[in-house]
C-alpha atoms as a PDB file:
ATOM      1  CA  MET A   1       0.000   0.000   0.000  1.00  0.00           C
ATOM      2  CA  VAL A   2       1.406   3.382  -1.033  1.00  0.00           C
ATOM      3  CA  GLU A   3       1.569   5.883   1.806  1.00  0.00           C
ATOM      4  CA  ILE A   4       0.072   9.254   0.901  1.00  0.00           C
ATOM      5  CA  PRO A   5       2.415  12.095   1.978  1.00  0.00           C
ATOM      6  CA  THR A   6       1.239  14.465   4.689  1.00  0.00           C
ATOM      7  CA  THR A   7       2.215  18.124   4.364  1.00  0.00           C
ATOM      8  CA  ARG A   8       2.054  20.167   7.580  1.00  0.00           C
ATOM      9  CA  ILE A   9       2.162  23.963   7.611  1.00  0.00           C
ATOM     10  CA  CYS A  10       2.629  26.009  10.771  1.00  0.00           C
ATOM     11  CA  LEU A  11       1.218  29.490  10.238  1.00  0.00           C
ATOM     12  CA  VAL A  12       2.571  31.932  12.812  1.00  0.00           C
ATOM     13  CA  ARG A  13       0.975  35.318  13.339  1.00  0.00           C
ATOM     14  CA  HIS A  14       3.614  38.036  13.679  1.00  0.00           C
ATOM     15  CA  GLY A  15       4.580  39.290  17.126  1.00  0.00           C
ATOM     16  CA  GLU A  16       2.910  42.269  18.760  1.00  0.00           C
ATOM     17  CA  THR A  17       3.312  45.845  17.504  1.00  0.00           C
ATOM     18  CA  GLU A  18       2.427  49.122  19.187  1.00  0.00           C
ATOM     19  CA  TRP A  19      -0.454  49.474  16.734  1.00  0.00           C
ATOM     20  CA  ASN A  20      -1.805  46.085  17.816  1.00  0.00           C
ATOM     21  CA  ALA A  21      -1.765  47.331  21.405  1.00  0.00           C
ATOM     22  CA  GLU A  22      -3.611  50.515  20.321  1.00  0.00           C
ATOM     23  CA  ARG A  23      -6.116  48.554  18.179  1.00  0.00           C
ATOM     24  CA  ARG A  24      -4.935  50.592  15.187  1.00  0.00           C
ATOM     25  CA  ILE A  25      -5.459  49.157  11.699  1.00  0.00           C
ATOM     26  CA  GLN A  26      -2.105  48.417  10.084  1.00  0.00           C
ATOM     27  CA  GLY A  27      -3.000  46.810   6.784  1.00  0.00           C
ATOM     28  CA  GLN A  28       0.047  47.197   4.568  1.00  0.00           C
ATOM     29  CA  ILE A  29       1.528  50.125   6.510  1.00  0.00           C
ATOM     30  CA  ASP A  30       4.933  48.777   7.504  1.00  0.00           C
ATOM     31  CA  ILE A  31       4.961  48.771  11.313  1.00  0.00           C
ATOM     32  CA  GLY A  32       7.725  46.957  13.230  1.00  0.00           C
ATOM     33  CA  LEU A  33       7.544  44.816  16.359  1.00  0.00           C
ATOM     34  CA  ASN A  34       7.525  46.263  19.863  1.00  0.00           C
ATOM     35  CA  ASP A  35       9.539  44.746  22.734  1.00  0.00           C
ATOM     36  CA  THR A  36       6.765  42.265  23.541  1.00  0.00           C
ATOM     37  CA  GLY A  37       6.607  41.249  19.887  1.00  0.00           C
ATOM     38  CA  ARG A  38      10.334  40.622  19.736  1.00  0.00           C
ATOM     39  CA  ARG A  39      10.131  38.386  22.804  1.00  0.00           C
ATOM     40  CA  GLN A  40       7.189  36.545  21.271  1.00  0.00           C
ATOM     41  CA  ALA A  41       9.081  35.978  18.017  1.00  0.00           C
ATOM     42  CA  ALA A  42      12.061  34.517  19.880  1.00  0.00           C
ATOM     43  CA  ALA A  43       9.750  32.291  21.926  1.00  0.00           C
ATOM     44  CA  ALA A  44       8.044  30.976  18.795  1.00  0.00           C
ATOM     45  CA  GLY A  45      11.457  30.131  17.348  1.00  0.00           C
ATOM     46  CA  ARG A  46      12.484  28.198  20.436  1.00  0.00           C
ATOM     47  CA  TRP A  47       9.197  26.271  20.435  1.00  0.00           C
ATOM     48  CA  LEU A  48       9.561  25.283  16.790  1.00  0.00           C
ATOM     49  CA  GLN A  49      13.091  23.931  17.164  1.00  0.00           C
ATOM     50  CA  THR A  50      11.744  20.395  17.637  1.00  0.00           C
ATOM     51  CA  ALA A  51       9.006  20.638  15.004  1.00  0.00           C
ATOM     52  CA  GLY A  52      11.056  19.362  12.072  1.00  0.00           C
ATOM     53  CA  ILE A  53      10.600  22.504   9.992  1.00  0.00           C
ATOM     54  CA  ALA A  54      12.174  22.049   6.547  1.00  0.00           C
ATOM     55  CA  ALA A  55      11.461  25.498   5.072  1.00  0.00           C
ATOM     56  CA  LEU A  56      10.525  28.937   6.404  1.00  0.00           C
ATOM     57  CA  TYR A  57       8.578  31.698   4.692  1.00  0.00           C
ATOM     58  CA  GLY A  58       7.386  35.133   5.796  1.00  0.00           C
ATOM     59  CA  SER A  59       5.371  38.085   4.577  1.00  0.00           C
ATOM     60  CA  ASP A  60       7.822  40.838   3.657  1.00  0.00           C
ATOM     61  CA  LEU A  61       6.144  43.447   5.886  1.00  0.00           C
ATOM     62  CA  LYS A  62       8.496  44.252   8.776  1.00  0.00           C
ATOM     63  CA  ARG A  63       6.365  42.909  11.601  1.00  0.00           C
ATOM     64  CA  ALA A  64       6.118  39.502   9.931  1.00  0.00           C
ATOM     65  CA  TRP A  65       9.594  39.513   8.392  1.00  0.00           C
ATOM     66  CA  HIS A  66      11.340  40.311  11.685  1.00  0.00           C
ATOM     67  CA  THR A  67       9.312  37.557  13.358  1.00  0.00           C
ATOM     68  CA  ALA A  68      10.402  35.165  10.589  1.00  0.00           C
ATOM     69  CA  GLU A  69      14.033  36.208  10.999  1.00  0.00           C
ATOM     70  CA  ALA A  70      13.894  35.482  14.739  1.00  0.00           C
ATOM     71  CA  ILE A  71      12.365  32.062  14.071  1.00  0.00           C
ATOM     72  CA  GLY A  72      14.964  31.448  11.374  1.00  0.00           C
ATOM     73  CA  ARG A  73      17.814  32.156  13.793  1.00  0.00           C
ATOM     74  CA  ALA A  74      16.435  29.526  16.156  1.00  0.00           C
ATOM     75  CA  LEU A  75      15.941  26.967  13.371  1.00  0.00           C
ATOM     76  CA  GLY A  76      19.050  27.663  11.319  1.00  0.00           C
ATOM     77  CA  LEU A  77      16.883  28.537   8.306  1.00  0.00           C
ATOM     78  CA  ALA A  78      16.829  31.631   6.106  1.00  0.00           C
ATOM     79  CA  PRO A  79      13.246  32.837   5.584  1.00  0.00           C
ATOM     80  CA  GLN A  80      11.974  33.293   2.052  1.00  0.00           C
ATOM     81  CA  PRO A  81       9.810  36.390   1.399  1.00  0.00           C
ATOM     82  CA  VAL A  82       6.224  35.922   0.203  1.00  0.00           C
ATOM     83  CA  PRO A  83       4.621  39.294  -0.645  1.00  0.00           C
ATOM     84  CA  GLU A  84       1.464  37.387  -1.638  1.00  0.00           C
ATOM     85  CA  LEU A  85       0.864  36.708   2.068  1.00  0.00           C
ATOM     86  CA  ARG A  86       0.903  40.334   3.196  1.00  0.00           C
ATOM     87  CA  GLU A  87      -1.943  41.663   5.305  1.00  0.00           C
ATOM     88  CA  ARG A  88      -5.118  42.873   3.627  1.00  0.00           C
ATOM     89  CA  ARG A  89      -5.037  46.383   2.147  1.00  0.00           C
ATOM     90  CA  TYR A  90      -7.519  48.322   4.276  1.00  0.00           C
ATOM     91  CA  GLY A  91      -7.571  51.466   2.118  1.00  0.00           C
ATOM     92  CA  VAL A  92      -9.077  54.459   3.925  1.00  0.00           C
ATOM     93  CA  PHE A  93      -9.100  52.522   7.230  1.00  0.00           C
ATOM     94  CA  GLU A  94      -5.309  52.150   7.425  1.00  0.00           C
ATOM     95  CA  GLY A  95      -3.756  54.113  10.296  1.00  0.00           C
ATOM     96  CA  LEU A  96      -7.078  54.518  12.125  1.00  0.00           C
ATOM     97  CA  THR A  97      -8.189  52.741  15.264  1.00  0.00           C
ATOM     98  CA  TYR A  98     -11.281  50.592  14.861  1.00  0.00           C
ATOM     99  CA  ASP A  99     -13.295  53.212  16.769  1.00  0.00           C
ATOM    100  CA  GLU A 100     -12.008  55.997  14.488  1.00  0.00           C
ATOM    101  CA  ALA A 101     -12.821  53.958  11.382  1.00  0.00           C
ATOM    102  CA  ARG A 102     -16.361  53.382  12.659  1.00  0.00           C
ATOM    103  CA  ALA A 103     -16.844  57.103  13.367  1.00  0.00           C
ATOM    104  CA  ARG A 104     -15.331  58.426  10.113  1.00  0.00           C
ATOM    105  CA  HIS A 105     -16.633  55.807   7.691  1.00  0.00           C
ATOM    106  CA  PRO A 106     -19.872  54.460   9.203  1.00  0.00           C
ATOM    107  CA  ASP A 107     -21.233  52.903   6.012  1.00  0.00           C
ATOM    108  CA  GLY A 108     -17.915  51.322   5.136  1.00  0.00           C
ATOM    109  CA  TYR A 109     -17.449  50.092   8.681  1.00  0.00           C
ATOM    110  CA  ALA A 110     -20.859  48.466   8.608  1.00  0.00           C
ATOM    111  CA  ALA A 111     -19.868  46.635   5.409  1.00  0.00           C
ATOM    112  CA  PHE A 112     -16.556  45.615   7.004  1.00  0.00           C
ATOM    113  CA  GLU A 113     -18.168  44.482  10.256  1.00  0.00           C
ATOM    114  CA  GLY A 114     -20.826  42.608   8.316  1.00  0.00           C
ATOM    115  CA  ARG A 115     -18.102  40.811   6.329  1.00  0.00           C
ATOM    116  CA  ASN A 116     -19.303  42.035   2.940  1.00  0.00           C
ATOM    117  CA  ALA A 117     -16.940  39.989   0.763  1.00  0.00           C
ATOM    118  CA  ASP A 118     -16.862  42.590  -2.031  1.00  0.00           C
ATOM    119  CA  TYR A 119     -16.240  45.705   0.105  1.00  0.00           C
ATOM    120  CA  ASP A 120     -12.785  47.141  -0.650  1.00  0.00           C
ATOM    121  CA  PHE A 121     -12.322  50.175   1.668  1.00  0.00           C
ATOM    122  CA  GLU A 122     -12.353  52.618  -1.286  1.00  0.00           C
ATOM    123  CA  ASN A 123      -9.494  51.172  -3.332  1.00  0.00           C
ATOM    124  CA  GLY A 124      -8.255  48.787  -0.663  1.00  0.00           C
ATOM    125  CA  GLU A 125      -8.836  45.052  -1.032  1.00  0.00           C
ATOM    126  CA  SER A 126     -11.974  42.951  -0.838  1.00  0.00           C
ATOM    127  CA  LEU A 127     -12.152  39.656   1.022  1.00  0.00           C
ATOM    128  CA  THR A 128     -12.823  37.979  -2.323  1.00  0.00           C
ATOM    129  CA  ALA A 129      -9.606  39.332  -3.845  1.00  0.00           C
ATOM    130  CA  MET A 130      -7.590  38.530  -0.730  1.00  0.00           C
ATOM    131  CA  TYR A 131      -8.931  34.976  -0.630  1.00  0.00           C
ATOM    132  CA  ALA A 132      -7.673  34.372  -4.167  1.00  0.00           C
ATOM    133  CA  ARG A 133      -4.133  35.606  -3.498  1.00  0.00           C
ATOM    134  CA  VAL A 134      -3.748  33.912  -0.098  1.00  0.00           C
ATOM    135  CA  THR A 135      -5.146  30.500  -0.980  1.00  0.00           C
ATOM    136  CA  GLY A 136      -3.241  30.438  -4.251  1.00  0.00           C
ATOM    137  CA  LYS A 137       0.069  30.960  -2.457  1.00  0.00           C
ATOM    138  CA  ILE A 138      -0.713  28.488   0.340  1.00  0.00           C
ATOM    139  CA  ARG A 139      -1.487  25.802  -2.246  1.00  0.00           C
ATOM    140  CA  GLU A 140       1.729  26.630  -4.093  1.00  0.00           C
ATOM    141  CA  ILE A 141       3.894  26.362  -0.950  1.00  0.00           C
ATOM    142  CA  ALA A 142       2.225  23.086   0.056  1.00  0.00           C
ATOM    143  CA  ALA A 143       2.876  21.615  -3.405  1.00  0.00           C
ATOM    144  CA  ALA A 144       6.528  22.687  -3.279  1.00  0.00           C
ATOM    145  CA  HIS A 145       7.093  20.903   0.059  1.00  0.00           C
ATOM    146  CA  CYS A 146       4.903  17.813  -0.271  1.00  0.00           C
ATOM    147  CA  GLY A 147       5.348  15.531   2.727  1.00  0.00           C
ATOM    148  CA  ARG A 148       7.391  18.060   4.703  1.00  0.00           C
ATOM    149  CA  ASN A 149       6.807  20.493   7.589  1.00  0.00           C
ATOM    150  CA  VAL A 150       6.868  24.194   6.709  1.00  0.00           C
ATOM    151  CA  ALA A 151       6.502  27.401   8.757  1.00  0.00           C
ATOM    152  CA  ILE A 152       5.056  30.645   7.383  1.00  0.00           C
ATOM    153  CA  VAL A 153       4.850  33.951   9.290  1.00  0.00           C
ATOM    154  CA  VAL A 154       1.750  35.903   8.318  1.00  0.00           C
ATOM    155  CA  HIS A 155      -0.891  38.350   9.544  1.00  0.00           C
ATOM    156  CA  GLY A 156      -4.244  38.178  11.297  1.00  0.00           C
ATOM    157  CA  GLY A 157      -6.225  38.819   8.131  1.00  0.00           C
ATOM    158  CA  VAL A 158      -4.330  36.085   6.296  1.00  0.00           C
ATOM    159  CA  LEU A 159      -5.049  33.631   9.111  1.00  0.00           C
ATOM    160  CA  ASP A 160      -8.724  34.561   8.974  1.00  0.00           C
ATOM    161  CA  ILE A 161      -8.759  33.582   5.297  1.00  0.00           C
ATOM    162  CA  VAL A 162      -6.769  30.365   5.802  1.00  0.00           C
ATOM    163  CA  ASN A 163      -9.021  29.126   8.610  1.00  0.00           C
ATOM    164  CA  ARG A 164     -12.085  29.547   6.396  1.00  0.00           C
ATOM    165  CA  PHE A 165     -10.356  27.961   3.404  1.00  0.00           C
ATOM    166  CA  VAL A 166      -9.304  24.862   5.356  1.00  0.00           C
ATOM    167  CA  ARG A 167     -12.670  24.437   7.099  1.00  0.00           C
ATOM    168  CA  GLY A 168     -14.706  25.191   3.999  1.00  0.00           C
ATOM    169  CA  ASN A 169     -16.496  28.115   5.655  1.00  0.00           C
ATOM    170  CA  SER A 170     -17.726  31.152   3.755  1.00  0.00           C
ATOM    171  CA  LEU A 171     -16.018  34.528   3.934  1.00  0.00           C
ATOM    172  CA  GLU A 172     -19.196  36.008   5.424  1.00  0.00           C
ATOM    173  CA  THR A 173     -19.355  33.625   8.409  1.00  0.00           C
ATOM    174  CA  PRO A 174     -18.687  35.409  11.765  1.00  0.00           C
ATOM    175  CA  ARG A 175     -15.292  34.512  13.218  1.00  0.00           C
ATOM    176  CA  ASP A 176     -15.417  31.742  15.844  1.00  0.00           C
ATOM    177  CA  PHE A 177     -11.663  31.328  16.406  1.00  0.00           C
ATOM    178  CA  LEU A 178      -8.821  33.306  18.000  1.00  0.00           C
ATOM    179  CA  ILE A 179      -5.858  34.855  16.168  1.00  0.00           C
ATOM    180  CA  PRO A 180      -3.347  35.804  18.909  1.00  0.00           C
ATOM    181  CA  ASN A 181      -0.048  37.530  18.182  1.00  0.00           C
ATOM    182  CA  ALA A 182       2.710  34.905  17.690  1.00  0.00           C
ATOM    183  CA  GLY A 183       0.155  32.093  18.006  1.00  0.00           C
ATOM    184  CA  LEU A 184       0.918  28.846  16.170  1.00  0.00           C
ATOM    185  CA  ASN A 185      -1.680  27.445  13.783  1.00  0.00           C
ATOM    186  CA  TRP A 186      -1.059  24.035  12.184  1.00  0.00           C
ATOM    187  CA  ILE A 187      -2.867  23.000   9.018  1.00  0.00           C
ATOM    188  CA  VAL A 188      -2.447  19.705   7.162  1.00  0.00           C
ATOM    189  CA  ALA A 189      -2.790  18.779   3.488  1.00  0.00           C
ATOM    190  CA  VAL A 190      -3.154  15.132   2.417  1.00  0.00           C
ATOM    191  CA  ASP A 191      -3.921  14.282  -1.197  1.00  0.00           C
ATOM    192  CA  GLY A 192      -5.585  17.641  -1.829  1.00  0.00           C
ATOM    193  CA  ALA A 193      -7.718  17.563   1.333  1.00  0.00           C
ATOM    194  CA  TRP A 194      -7.071  20.140   4.066  1.00  0.00           C
ATOM    195  CA  ARG A 195      -7.759  20.130   7.792  1.00  0.00           C
ATOM    196  CA  ILE A 196      -6.783  22.043  10.921  1.00  0.00           C
ATOM    197  CA  GLU A 197      -4.504  20.140  13.268  1.00  0.00           C
ATOM    198  CA  THR A 198      -4.288  22.767  16.035  1.00  0.00           C
ATOM    199  CA  TRP A 199      -5.191  26.461  16.120  1.00  0.00           C
ATOM    200  CA  GLY A 200      -4.125  29.446  18.213  1.00  0.00           C
ATOM    201  CA  GLU A 201      -1.459  27.682  20.283  1.00  0.00           C
ATOM    202  CA  THR A 202       0.051  30.078  22.865  1.00  0.00           C
ATOM    203  CA  ALA A 203       1.707  27.745  25.397  1.00  0.00           C
ATOM    204  CA  HIS A 204       5.098  29.119  24.299  1.00  0.00           C
ATOM    205  CA  LEU A 205       4.136  32.729  25.121  1.00  0.00           C
ATOM    206  CA  GLU A 206       3.822  34.938  28.174  1.00  0.00           C
ATOM    207  CA  ALA A 207       0.216  35.381  29.257  1.00  0.00           C
ATOM    208  CA  GLY A 208      -1.731  38.086  27.428  1.00  0.00           C
ATOM    209  CA  ALA A 209      -0.996  37.546  23.710  1.00  0.00           C
ATOM    210  CA  LEU A 210      -3.371  39.912  21.916  1.00  0.00           C
ATOM    211  CA  ASP A 211      -6.192  39.062  19.591  1.00  0.00           C
ATOM    212  CA  GLU A 212      -7.224  42.666  19.022  1.00  0.00           C
ATOM    213  CA  LEU A 213      -8.965  41.964  15.729  1.00  0.00           C
ATOM    214  CA  PRO A 214     -12.713  42.440  15.376  1.00  0.00           C
ATOM    215  CA  SER A 215     -14.633  39.194  15.271  1.00  0.00           C
END
């Protein structure tokens, strides 16, 4: 009997930034890690040392890239940049807190909060467009490392998409899962079928890892 290879991907949300702590929408504005985030990145690297990671990727935005570099130092791997896994482009919301976005753009915020899959923040990015770019790249990475373990450092919005993709849930479904900073999220691909192995692991972190994202 031929054994079907199992491909495991550990998706790591980047460490904390000051804008995370302020509940300020980063999108593709290039914010770096704060001190807590740097500690979280190092902790994630230590935790993954025994996970048999064969390849390491990271979004090229600083908060994810610096997290990937810290993990890479622990694993002895050089991260490979994947711009396709950047955070969502939040258009006119970027740089605002969630409360400011609600006050300044009430109609747009209602569409965002209601998970309107075609709303694009006035020249930002819709969930539909983001789903296409994220899932396409995840499939590509899985195919390139069939039967291996891979780590990818990404963003909260990317993880939101991946969870729905793997579970087969619609983009409009309210979020029923956590996305903490520097949390570990393992997904598995076997013969084209996907499943979640574990989600939102934080045992490697100090108490209080943020999930400041709206649900």
